[in-house]
PDB file of N, CA and C in Angstrom:
ATOM      1  N   MET A   1       1.036  -9.812  15.895  1.00  0.00           N
ATOM      2  CA  MET A   1       0.185  -9.093  15.054  1.00  0.00           C
ATOM      3  C   MET A   1      -0.008  -9.425  13.860  1.00  0.00           C
ATOM      4  N   TYR A   2      -1.204  -9.378  13.312  1.00  0.00           N
ATOM      5  CA  TYR A   2      -1.149  -9.665  11.807  1.00  0.00           C
ATOM      6  C   TYR A   2      -2.363  -8.733  11.373  1.00  0.00           C
ATOM      7  N   ALA A   3      -2.418  -8.739   9.982  1.00  0.00           N
ATOM      8  CA  ALA A   3      -3.575  -8.147   9.019  1.00  0.00           C
ATOM      9  C   ALA A   3      -3.876  -8.874   7.778  1.00  0.00           C
ATOM     10  N   ILE A   4      -5.132  -9.100   7.600  1.00  0.00           N
ATOM     11  CA  ILE A   4      -5.276  -8.896   6.099  1.00  0.00           C
ATOM     12  C   ILE A   4      -5.806  -7.992   5.148  1.00  0.00           C
ATOM     13  N   VAL A   5      -4.920  -7.868   4.196  1.00  0.00           N
ATOM     14  CA  VAL A   5      -5.082  -6.863   3.486  1.00  0.00           C
ATOM     15  C   VAL A   5      -5.339  -7.287   2.007  1.00  0.00           C
ATOM     16  N   THR A   6      -5.929  -6.527   0.918  1.00  0.00           N
ATOM     17  CA  THR A   6      -5.862  -6.317  -0.417  1.00  0.00           C
ATOM     18  C   THR A   6      -5.047  -5.457  -0.892  1.00  0.00           C
ATOM     19  N   VAL A   7      -3.881  -6.386  -1.779  1.00  0.00           N
ATOM     20  CA  VAL A   7      -2.681  -5.637  -2.388  1.00  0.00           C
ATOM     21  C   VAL A   7      -2.829  -5.882  -4.015  1.00  0.00           C
ATOM     22  N   ALA A   8      -3.150  -5.236  -4.704  1.00  0.00           N
ATOM     23  CA  ALA A   8      -3.172  -5.281  -6.032  1.00  0.00           C
ATOM     24  C   ALA A   8      -4.499  -6.542  -6.615  1.00  0.00           C
ATOM     25  N   GLY A   9      -5.557  -6.519  -5.841  1.00  0.00           N
ATOM     26  CA  GLY A   9      -6.364  -7.318  -6.341  1.00  0.00           C
ATOM     27  C   GLY A   9      -6.393  -8.502  -5.377  1.00  0.00           C
ATOM     28  N   GLU A  10      -5.429  -8.702  -4.581  1.00  0.00           N
ATOM     29  CA  GLU A  10      -5.503 -10.152  -3.825  1.00  0.00           C
ATOM     30  C   GLU A  10      -5.355 -10.043  -2.476  1.00  0.00           C
ATOM     31  N   GLN A  11      -5.809 -10.795  -1.728  1.00  0.00           N
ATOM     32  CA  GLN A  11      -5.850 -10.736  -0.302  1.00  0.00           C
ATOM     33  C   GLN A  11      -4.698 -11.570   0.388  1.00  0.00           C
ATOM     34  N   THR A  12      -4.031 -10.902   1.038  1.00  0.00           N
ATOM     35  CA  THR A  12      -2.721 -11.569   1.870  1.00  0.00           C
ATOM     36  C   THR A  12      -2.602 -11.252   3.387  1.00  0.00           C
ATOM     37  N   ARG A  13      -2.141 -12.279   4.090  1.00  0.00           N
ATOM     38  CA  ARG A  13      -1.940 -12.127   5.379  1.00  0.00           C
ATOM     39  C   ARG A  13      -0.395 -11.568   5.719  1.00  0.00           C
ATOM     40  N   VAL A  14      -0.663 -10.627   6.093  1.00  0.00           N
ATOM     41  CA  VAL A  14       0.750 -10.204   6.406  1.00  0.00           C
ATOM     42  C   VAL A  14       1.147  -9.739   8.170  1.00  0.00           C
ATOM     43  N   SER A  15       1.802  -9.738   8.499  1.00  0.00           N
ATOM     44  CA  SER A  15       2.971  -9.597   9.626  1.00  0.00           C
ATOM     45  C   SER A  15       4.019  -8.802   9.591  1.00  0.00           C
ATOM     46  N   PRO A  16       4.221  -7.407  10.549  1.00  0.00           N
ATOM     47  CA  PRO A  16       5.511  -6.908  10.680  1.00  0.00           C
ATOM     48  C   PRO A  16       6.660  -7.611  10.519  1.00  0.00           C
ATOM     49  N   GLY A  17       7.588  -7.112   9.611  1.00  0.00           N
ATOM     50  CA  GLY A  17       9.036  -7.848   9.127  1.00  0.00           C
ATOM     51  C   GLY A  17       8.964  -8.890   8.269  1.00  0.00           C
ATOM     52  N   GLU A  18       7.520  -8.895   7.802  1.00  0.00           N
ATOM     53  CA  GLU A  18       7.312 -10.465   6.810  1.00  0.00           C
ATOM     54  C   GLU A  18       7.587  -9.975   5.141  1.00  0.00           C
ATOM     55  N   ALA A  19       8.297 -11.141   4.439  1.00  0.00           N
ATOM     56  CA  ALA A  19       8.666 -10.549   3.096  1.00  0.00           C
ATOM     57  C   ALA A  19       7.338 -11.528   2.531  1.00  0.00           C
ATOM     58  N   VAL A  20       6.702 -10.760   1.813  1.00  0.00           N
ATOM     59  CA  VAL A  20       5.408 -11.058   0.953  1.00  0.00           C
ATOM     60  C   VAL A  20       5.619 -11.054  -0.582  1.00  0.00           C
ATOM     61  N   ARG A  21       5.410 -12.035  -1.269  1.00  0.00           N
ATOM     62  CA  ARG A  21       4.983 -11.897  -2.746  1.00  0.00           C
ATOM     63  C   ARG A  21       3.954 -11.794  -3.128  1.00  0.00           C
ATOM     64  N   VAL A  22       3.669 -10.309  -4.004  1.00  0.00           N
ATOM     65  CA  VAL A  22       2.200  -9.753  -4.201  1.00  0.00           C
ATOM     66  C   VAL A  22       2.445  -9.810  -6.048  1.00  0.00           C
ATOM     67  N   PRO A  23       1.163  -9.753  -6.499  1.00  0.00           N
ATOM     68  CA  PRO A  23       1.025  -9.152  -7.854  1.00  0.00           C
ATOM     69  C   PRO A  23       1.693  -7.881  -7.954  1.00  0.00           C
ATOM     70  N   ARG A  24       2.157  -7.719  -9.195  1.00  0.00           N
ATOM     71  CA  ARG A  24       2.749  -6.485  -9.607  1.00  0.00           C
ATOM     72  C   ARG A  24       2.741  -5.301  -9.137  1.00  0.00           C
ATOM     73  N   LEU A  25       3.233  -4.183  -8.861  1.00  0.00           N
ATOM     74  CA  LEU A  25       2.909  -2.974  -8.389  1.00  0.00           C
ATOM     75  C   LEU A  25       3.841  -1.990  -9.355  1.00  0.00           C
ATOM     76  N   SER A  26       3.693  -0.814  -9.369  1.00  0.00           N
ATOM     77  CA  SER A  26       4.080  -0.023 -10.004  1.00  0.00           C
ATOM     78  C   SER A  26       5.103   0.844  -9.459  1.00  0.00           C
ATOM     79  N   GLN A  27       5.318   0.746  -7.964  1.00  0.00           N
ATOM     80  CA  GLN A  27       6.333   1.443  -7.502  1.00  0.00           C
ATOM     81  C   GLN A  27       7.759   0.787  -7.642  1.00  0.00           C
ATOM     82  N   GLU A  28       8.465   1.600  -7.909  1.00  0.00           N
ATOM     83  CA  GLU A  28       9.976   1.238  -7.904  1.00  0.00           C
ATOM     84  C   GLU A  28      10.814   0.430  -6.648  1.00  0.00           C
ATOM     85  N   PRO A  29      11.876  -0.270  -6.820  1.00  0.00           N
ATOM     86  CA  PRO A  29      12.181  -0.828  -5.589  1.00  0.00           C
ATOM     87  C   PRO A  29      13.196   0.078  -4.758  1.00  0.00           C
ATOM     88  N   GLY A  30      12.920  -0.014  -3.312  1.00  0.00           N
ATOM     89  CA  GLY A  30      13.243   0.544  -2.281  1.00  0.00           C
ATOM     90  C   GLY A  30      12.364   1.546  -1.902  1.00  0.00           C
ATOM     91  N   SER A  31      11.172   1.601  -2.154  1.00  0.00           N
ATOM     92  CA  SER A  31      10.328   2.864  -2.291  1.00  0.00           C
ATOM     93  C   SER A  31       9.285   2.238  -0.972  1.00  0.00           C
ATOM     94  N   VAL A  32       8.575   3.046  -0.599  1.00  0.00           N
ATOM     95  CA  VAL A  32       7.621   2.989   0.558  1.00  0.00           C
ATOM     96  C   VAL A  32       6.563   2.978   0.140  1.00  0.00           C
ATOM     97  N   THR A  33       5.456   2.138  -0.003  1.00  0.00           N
ATOM     98  CA  THR A  33       3.895   2.334  -0.166  1.00  0.00           C
ATOM     99  C   THR A  33       3.142   2.058   0.925  1.00  0.00           C
ATOM    100  N   THR A  34       2.039   2.968   1.046  1.00  0.00           N
ATOM    101  CA  THR A  34       1.163   2.531   2.022  1.00  0.00           C
ATOM    102  C   THR A  34      -0.382   1.544   1.465  1.00  0.00           C
ATOM    103  N   VAL A  35      -0.585   0.647   2.304  1.00  0.00           N
ATOM    104  CA  VAL A  35      -2.075   0.321   1.566  1.00  0.00           C
ATOM    105  C   VAL A  35      -3.079   0.295   2.846  1.00  0.00           C
ATOM    106  N   ASP A  36      -3.845   0.858   2.305  1.00  0.00           N
ATOM    107  CA  ASP A  36      -5.309   1.222   3.182  1.00  0.00           C
ATOM    108  C   ASP A  36      -6.587   0.284   3.217  1.00  0.00           C
ATOM    109  N   THR A  37      -6.161  -0.775   2.509  1.00  0.00           N
ATOM    110  CA  THR A  37      -7.380  -1.637   2.296  1.00  0.00           C
ATOM    111  C   THR A  37      -7.153  -3.070   3.467  1.00  0.00           C
ATOM    112  N   VAL A  38      -7.335  -2.385   4.527  1.00  0.00           N
ATOM    113  CA  VAL A  38      -7.320  -3.712   5.743  1.00  0.00           C
ATOM    114  C   VAL A  38      -8.642  -4.111   5.819  1.00  0.00           C
ATOM    115  N   LEU A  39      -8.686  -5.365   5.576  1.00  0.00           N
ATOM    116  CA  LEU A  39     -10.182  -6.512   5.976  1.00  0.00           C
ATOM    117  C   LEU A  39      -9.845  -6.888   7.191  1.00  0.00           C
ATOM    118  N   LEU A  40      -9.057  -7.150   7.813  1.00  0.00           N
ATOM    119  CA  LEU A  40      -9.117  -7.599   9.364  1.00  0.00           C
ATOM    120  C   LEU A  40      -7.822  -7.587   9.875  1.00  0.00           C
ATOM    121  N   LEU A  41      -7.776  -7.183  10.970  1.00  0.00           N
ATOM    122  CA  LEU A  41      -6.424  -6.609  11.737  1.00  0.00           C
ATOM    123  C   LEU A  41      -6.702  -7.550  13.402  1.00  0.00           C
ATOM    124  N   SER A  42      -5.594  -8.233  13.691  1.00  0.00           N
ATOM    125  CA  SER A  42      -5.526  -8.706  14.663  1.00  0.00           C
ATOM    126  C   SER A  42      -4.058  -8.636  15.567  1.00  0.00           C
ATOM    127  N   ASP A  43      -4.334  -8.327  17.351  1.00  0.00           N
ATOM    128  CA  ASP A  43      -3.504  -7.660  17.849  1.00  0.00           C
ATOM    129  C   ASP A  43      -2.509  -8.546  18.928  1.00  0.00           C
ATOM    130  N   GLY A  44      -3.027  -9.791  18.645  1.00  0.00           N
ATOM    131  CA  GLY A  44      -2.910 -10.760  19.448  1.00  0.00           C
ATOM    132  C   GLY A  44      -3.963 -11.471  20.435  1.00  0.00           C
ATOM    133  N   ASP A  45      -4.618 -10.360  21.216  1.00  0.00           N
ATOM    134  CA  ASP A  45      -5.867 -11.175  22.206  1.00  0.00           C
ATOM    135  C   ASP A  45      -7.174 -10.547  21.369  1.00  0.00           C
ATOM    136  N   SER A  46      -7.364  -9.591  20.422  1.00  0.00           N
ATOM    137  CA  SER A  46      -8.304  -8.850  19.773  1.00  0.00           C
ATOM    138  C   SER A  46      -8.593  -9.211  18.156  1.00  0.00           C
ATOM    139  N   ILE A  47      -9.485  -9.264  17.896  1.00  0.00           N
ATOM    140  CA  ILE A  47      -9.587  -9.175  16.248  1.00  0.00           C
ATOM    141  C   ILE A  47     -10.567  -8.341  16.015  1.00  0.00           C
ATOM    142  N   THR A  48     -10.466  -7.644  14.921  1.00  0.00           N
ATOM    143  CA  THR A  48     -11.028  -6.477  14.501  1.00  0.00           C
ATOM    144  C   THR A  48     -11.497  -6.602  12.900  1.00  0.00           C
ATOM    145  N   VAL A  49     -12.901  -6.733  12.639  1.00  0.00           N
ATOM    146  CA  VAL A  49     -13.176  -7.335  11.160  1.00  0.00           C
ATOM    147  C   VAL A  49     -13.779  -6.134  10.449  1.00  0.00           C
ATOM    148  N   GLY A  50     -13.492  -5.898   9.254  1.00  0.00           N
ATOM    149  CA  GLY A  50     -13.979  -4.448   8.794  1.00  0.00           C
ATOM    150  C   GLY A  50     -15.368  -4.813   8.317  1.00  0.00           C
ATOM    151  N   ASN A  51     -16.085  -3.632   7.857  1.00  0.00           N
ATOM    152  CA  ASN A  51     -17.209  -3.427   7.285  1.00  0.00           C
ATOM    153  C   ASN A  51     -17.520  -2.772   6.152  1.00  0.00           C
ATOM    154  N   PRO A  52     -16.674  -2.868   4.615  1.00  0.00           N
ATOM    155  CA  PRO A  52     -15.908  -4.157   4.391  1.00  0.00           C
ATOM    156  C   PRO A  52     -14.506  -3.712   4.987  1.00  0.00           C
ATOM    157  N   LEU A  53     -13.887  -2.315   5.085  1.00  0.00           N
ATOM    158  CA  LEU A  53     -12.631  -1.980   5.599  1.00  0.00           C
ATOM    159  C   LEU A  53     -12.491  -1.688   7.232  1.00  0.00           C
ATOM    160  N   VAL A  54     -11.265  -1.929   7.536  1.00  0.00           N
ATOM    161  CA  VAL A  54     -11.286  -1.604   9.077  1.00  0.00           C
ATOM    162  C   VAL A  54     -10.664   0.002   9.023  1.00  0.00           C
ATOM    163  N   GLU A  55     -11.729   0.867   9.829  1.00  0.00           N
ATOM    164  CA  GLU A  55     -10.998   2.286   9.726  1.00  0.00           C
ATOM    165  C   GLU A  55      -9.755   2.380  10.811  1.00  0.00           C
ATOM    166  N   GLY A  56      -9.162   3.510   9.643  1.00  0.00           N
ATOM    167  CA  GLY A  56      -7.925   3.817  10.662  1.00  0.00           C
ATOM    168  C   GLY A  56      -6.926   2.826  10.040  1.00  0.00           C
ATOM    169  N   ALA A  57      -7.031   1.659  10.171  1.00  0.00           N
ATOM    170  CA  ALA A  57      -5.639   1.128  10.035  1.00  0.00           C
ATOM    171  C   ALA A  57      -5.127   1.107   8.242  1.00  0.00           C
ATOM    172  N   SER A  58      -3.720   0.780   8.260  1.00  0.00           N
ATOM    173  CA  SER A  58      -3.018   0.828   7.100  1.00  0.00           C
ATOM    174  C   SER A  58      -1.482  -0.093   7.070  1.00  0.00           C
ATOM    175  N   VAL A  59      -1.027  -0.595   6.232  1.00  0.00           N
ATOM    176  CA  VAL A  59       0.186  -1.462   6.302  1.00  0.00           C
ATOM    177  C   VAL A  59       1.099  -0.773   5.250  1.00  0.00           C
ATOM    178  N   GLU A  60       2.178  -0.492   6.090  1.00  0.00           N
ATOM    179  CA  GLU A  60       3.337   0.010   5.121  1.00  0.00           C
ATOM    180  C   GLU A  60       4.137  -1.164   4.658  1.00  0.00           C
ATOM    181  N   LEU A  61       4.346  -1.060   3.114  1.00  0.00           N
ATOM    182  CA  LEU A  61       5.422  -1.858   2.449  1.00  0.00           C
ATOM    183  C   LEU A  61       6.420  -1.565   1.507  1.00  0.00           C
ATOM    184  N   GLU A  62       7.508  -2.111   1.825  1.00  0.00           N
ATOM    185  CA  GLU A  62       8.951  -1.657   1.169  1.00  0.00           C
ATOM    186  C   GLU A  62       9.129  -2.305  -0.484  1.00  0.00           C
ATOM    187  N   VAL A  63       9.100  -1.960  -0.980  1.00  0.00           N
ATOM    188  CA  VAL A  63       9.270  -2.673  -2.337  1.00  0.00           C
ATOM    189  C   VAL A  63      10.704  -3.175  -2.426  1.00  0.00           C
ATOM    190  N   VAL A  64      11.107  -4.447  -2.793  1.00  0.00           N
ATOM    191  CA  VAL A  64      12.373  -4.758  -2.543  1.00  0.00           C
ATOM    192  C   VAL A  64      12.549  -4.948  -4.457  1.00  0.00           C
ATOM    193  N   GLU A  65      11.917  -6.108  -4.980  1.00  0.00           N
ATOM    194  CA  GLU A  65      12.260  -6.477  -6.304  1.00  0.00           C
ATOM    195  C   GLU A  65      11.051  -6.814  -7.222  1.00  0.00           C
ATOM    196  N   HIS A  66      11.167  -6.502  -8.365  1.00  0.00           N
ATOM    197  CA  HIS A  66      10.292  -7.163  -9.460  1.00  0.00           C
ATOM    198  C   HIS A  66      10.690  -8.206 -10.164  1.00  0.00           C
ATOM    199  N   GLY A  67       9.904  -9.184 -10.578  1.00  0.00           N
ATOM    200  CA  GLY A  67      10.212 -10.245 -11.227  1.00  0.00           C
ATOM    201  C   GLY A  67       9.198 -11.000 -11.939  1.00  0.00           C
ATOM    202  N   LEU A  68       9.563 -12.117 -12.540  1.00  0.00           N
ATOM    203  CA  LEU A  68       8.628 -13.000 -13.206  1.00  0.00           C
ATOM    204  C   LEU A  68       8.608 -14.117 -12.528  1.00  0.00           C
ATOM    205  N   SER A  69       7.150 -15.048 -12.125  1.00  0.00           N
ATOM    206  CA  SER A  69       7.344 -16.583 -11.591  1.00  0.00           C
ATOM    207  C   SER A  69       7.950 -17.608 -12.853  1.00  0.00           C
ATOM    208  N   ASP A  70       7.597 -18.749 -12.332  1.00  0.00           N
ATOM    209  CA  ASP A  70       8.285 -19.760 -13.276  1.00  0.00           C
ATOM    210  C   ASP A  70       7.153 -19.705 -14.603  1.00  0.00           C
ATOM    211  N   LYS A  71       7.496 -20.419 -15.385  1.00  0.00           N
ATOM    212  CA  LYS A  71       6.493 -20.676 -16.797  1.00  0.00           C
ATOM    213  C   LYS A  71       5.726 -21.602 -16.513  1.00  0.00           C
ATOM    214  N   ILE A  72       4.463 -21.322 -16.576  1.00  0.00           N
ATOM    215  CA  ILE A  72       3.134 -22.356 -16.666  1.00  0.00           C
ATOM    216  C   ILE A  72       2.898 -22.536 -18.258  1.00  0.00           C
ATOM    217  N   THR A  73       2.983 -23.975 -18.711  1.00  0.00           N
ATOM    218  CA  THR A  73       2.374 -23.957 -19.986  1.00  0.00           C
ATOM    219  C   THR A  73       1.394 -24.602 -19.831  1.00  0.00           C
ATOM    220  N   HIS A  74       0.321 -24.370 -21.062  1.00  0.00           N
ATOM    221  CA  HIS A  74      -0.889 -25.361 -21.269  1.00  0.00           C
ATOM    222  C   HIS A  74      -0.934 -25.960 -22.748  1.00  0.00           C
ATOM    223  N   VAL A  75      -1.306 -27.050 -22.917  1.00  0.00           N
ATOM    224  CA  VAL A  75      -1.014 -27.868 -23.825  1.00  0.00           C
ATOM    225  C   VAL A  75      -2.580 -28.215 -24.420  1.00  0.00           C
ATOM    226  N   LYS A  76      -2.824 -27.970 -25.667  1.00  0.00           N
ATOM    227  CA  LYS A  76      -4.149 -28.561 -26.268  1.00  0.00           C
ATOM    228  C   LYS A  76      -4.047 -29.286 -27.364  1.00  0.00           C
ATOM    229  N   LYS A  77      -4.852 -30.286 -27.162  1.00  0.00           N
ATOM    230  CA  LYS A  77      -4.583 -31.251 -28.729  1.00  0.00           C
ATOM    231  C   LYS A  77      -6.005 -31.869 -29.103  1.00  0.00           C
ATOM    232  N   ILE A  78      -6.126 -31.840 -30.473  1.00  0.00           N
ATOM    233  CA  ILE A  78      -7.143 -32.534 -30.905  1.00  0.00           C
ATOM    234  C   ILE A  78      -6.656 -33.931 -31.708  1.00  0.00           C
ATOM    235  N   ARG A  79      -7.311 -34.675 -30.966  1.00  0.00           N
ATOM    236  CA  ARG A  79      -6.657 -36.226 -31.798  1.00  0.00           C
ATOM    237  C   ARG A  79      -7.180 -36.089 -33.051  1.00  0.00           C
ATOM    238  N   ARG A  80      -6.448 -37.063 -33.678  1.00  0.00           N
ATOM    239  CA  ARG A  80      -6.720 -37.284 -35.040  1.00  0.00           C
ATOM    240  C   ARG A  80      -6.738 -36.259 -36.175  1.00  0.00           C
ATOM    241  N   LYS A  81      -6.657 -35.063 -35.645  1.00  0.00           N
ATOM    242  CA  LYS A  81      -6.310 -33.915 -36.737  1.00  0.00           C
ATOM    243  C   LYS A  81      -5.068 -33.275 -37.024  1.00  0.00           C
ATOM    244  N   HIS A  82      -3.828 -33.767 -36.303  1.00  0.00           N
ATOM    245  CA  HIS A  82      -2.962 -33.253 -36.360  1.00  0.00           C
ATOM    246  C   HIS A  82      -2.875 -31.826 -35.721  1.00  0.00           C
ATOM    247  N   HIS A  83      -3.725 -31.794 -34.608  1.00  0.00           N
ATOM    248  CA  HIS A  83      -3.508 -30.324 -34.368  1.00  0.00           C
ATOM    249  C   HIS A  83      -3.201 -30.236 -32.695  1.00  0.00           C
ATOM    250  N   ARG A  84      -1.953 -29.298 -32.802  1.00  0.00           N
ATOM    251  CA  ARG A  84      -1.670 -29.239 -31.294  1.00  0.00           C
ATOM    252  C   ARG A  84      -0.929 -28.064 -30.955  1.00  0.00           C
ATOM    253  N   ARG A  85      -1.378 -27.704 -29.809  1.00  0.00           N
ATOM    254  CA  ARG A  85      -0.944 -25.818 -29.552  1.00  0.00           C
ATOM    255  C   ARG A  85      -0.562 -26.004 -28.182  1.00  0.00           C
ATOM    256  N   ARG A  86       0.592 -25.364 -27.933  1.00  0.00           N
ATOM    257  CA  ARG A  86       1.360 -25.072 -26.569  1.00  0.00           C
ATOM    258  C   ARG A  86       1.425 -23.409 -26.235  1.00  0.00           C
ATOM    259  N   ARG A  87       1.022 -22.933 -25.186  1.00  0.00           N
ATOM    260  CA  ARG A  87       1.103 -21.548 -24.920  1.00  0.00           C
ATOM    261  C   ARG A  87       1.633 -21.619 -23.542  1.00  0.00           C
ATOM    262  N   GLY A  88       2.502 -20.611 -23.215  1.00  0.00           N
ATOM    263  CA  GLY A  88       3.167 -20.457 -21.904  1.00  0.00           C
ATOM    264  C   GLY A  88       2.830 -18.893 -21.326  1.00  0.00           C
ATOM    265  N   HIS A  89       3.030 -19.024 -19.940  1.00  0.00           N
ATOM    266  CA  HIS A  89       2.854 -17.565 -19.434  1.00  0.00           C
ATOM    267  C   HIS A  89       3.439 -17.602 -18.102  1.00  0.00           C
ATOM    268  N   ARG A  90       4.128 -16.312 -17.781  1.00  0.00           N
ATOM    269  CA  ARG A  90       4.894 -16.010 -16.553  1.00  0.00           C
ATOM    270  C   ARG A  90       4.282 -14.946 -16.161  1.00  0.00           C
ATOM    271  N   GLN A  91       3.817 -14.965 -14.605  1.00  0.00           N
ATOM    272  CA  GLN A  91       2.950 -13.966 -13.943  1.00  0.00           C
ATOM    273  C   GLN A  91       4.194 -12.872 -13.221  1.00  0.00           C
ATOM    274  N   ALA A  92       3.651 -11.654 -13.483  1.00  0.00           N
ATOM    275  CA  ALA A  92       4.775 -10.575 -12.914  1.00  0.00           C
ATOM    276  C   ALA A  92       4.299 -10.532 -11.399  1.00  0.00           C
ATOM    277  N   TYR A  93       5.366 -10.398 -10.587  1.00  0.00           N
ATOM    278  CA  TYR A  93       5.371 -10.359  -9.080  1.00  0.00           C
ATOM    279  C   TYR A  93       6.225  -9.035  -8.455  1.00  0.00           C
ATOM    280  N   THR A  94       6.025  -8.833  -7.501  1.00  0.00           N
ATOM    281  CA  THR A  94       6.712  -7.645  -6.537  1.00  0.00           C
ATOM    282  C   THR A  94       7.017  -8.187  -5.041  1.00  0.00           C
ATOM    283  N   ASP A  95       8.332  -8.438  -4.897  1.00  0.00           N
ATOM    284  CA  ASP A  95       8.418  -8.803  -3.448  1.00  0.00           C
ATOM    285  C   ASP A  95       8.452  -7.898  -2.754  1.00  0.00           C
ATOM    286  N   VAL A  96       7.707  -7.700  -1.483  1.00  0.00           N
ATOM    287  CA  VAL A  96       8.102  -6.736  -0.524  1.00  0.00           C
ATOM    288  C   VAL A  96       7.887  -7.024   1.197  1.00  0.00           C
ATOM    289  N   ILE A  97       8.602  -6.233   1.447  1.00  0.00           N
ATOM    290  CA  ILE A  97       8.666  -6.713   3.026  1.00  0.00           C
ATOM    291  C   ILE A  97       7.345  -5.701   4.014  1.00  0.00           C
ATOM    292  N   VAL A  98       6.850  -6.209   5.076  1.00  0.00           N
ATOM    293  CA  VAL A  98       5.888  -5.375   5.543  1.00  0.00           C
ATOM    294  C   VAL A  98       6.675  -4.485   6.567  1.00  0.00           C
ATOM    295  N   LYS A  99       6.503  -3.293   6.635  1.00  0.00           N
ATOM    296  CA  LYS A  99       7.800  -2.671   7.369  1.00  0.00           C
ATOM    297  C   LYS A  99       6.801  -2.356   9.048  1.00  0.00           C
ATOM    298  N   ASP A 100       5.211  -2.256   8.512  1.00  0.00           N
ATOM    299  CA  ASP A 100       4.863  -1.843  10.015  1.00  0.00           C
ATOM    300  C   ASP A 100       3.030  -1.826   9.773  1.00  0.00           C
ATOM    301  N   ILE A 101       2.285  -2.267  10.749  1.00  0.00           N
ATOM    302  CA  ILE A 101       0.814  -2.402  10.418  1.00  0.00           C
ATOM    303  C   ILE A 101       0.409  -1.242  11.404  1.00  0.00           C
ATOM    304  N   LEU A 102       0.031  -0.128  11.020  1.00  0.00           N
ATOM    305  CA  LEU A 102      -0.572   1.326  11.617  1.00  0.00           C
ATOM    306  C   LEU A 102      -2.133   1.459  12.027  1.00  0.00           C
ATOM    307  N   VAL A 103      -2.248   1.762  13.357  1.00  0.00           N
ATOM    308  CA  VAL A 103      -3.862   1.652  13.590  1.00  0.00           C
ATOM    309  C   VAL A 103      -3.970   2.927  14.297  1.00  0.00           C
ATOM    310  N   ALA A 104      -5.011   3.771  13.606  1.00  0.00           N
ATOM    311  CA  ALA A 104      -4.848   5.115  14.396  1.00  0.00           C
ATOM    312  C   ALA A 104      -5.692   4.999  15.694  1.00  0.00           C
ATOM    313  N   ALA A 105      -5.666   6.034  16.478  1.00  0.00           N
ATOM    314  CA  ALA A 105      -6.310   5.968  17.520  1.00  0.00           C
ATOM    315  C   ALA A 105      -7.371   6.573  17.575  1.00  0.00           C
ATOM    316  N   LYS A 106      -8.517   5.557  18.481  1.00  0.00           N
ATOM    317  CA  LYS A 106      -9.609   5.809  18.631  1.00  0.00           C
ATOM    318  C   LYS A 106     -10.226   6.734  19.676  1.00  0.00           C
ATOM    319  N   GLU A 107     -10.699   7.869  18.906  1.00  0.00           N
ATOM    320  CA  GLU A 107     -11.132   9.242  20.048  1.00  0.00           C
ATOM    321  C   GLU A 107     -12.623   8.786  21.067  1.00  0.00           C
TER     322      GLU A 107
END
């Protein structure tokens, strides 16, 4: 079973028990959060595609830790002008564990 969800503006494929790195969330480590923006849901033999979201589906995520990724540097140079500029950036992320994929029963 897997699902494609939107977490903090980024689409991610998740499965139960999987550890995933997503953009920074505001929740504290150890807390459990529910994501309702499920775009696609697969239970092995059938695939449900949302229009735009799958109704009644959600994913429970447990926040493990926050951190910063490796530094990405950008160098800009204008030749013969004695001009160089170097910029760096570290993107913030959150490591989460997928607890469960929940599907509401259809009536």
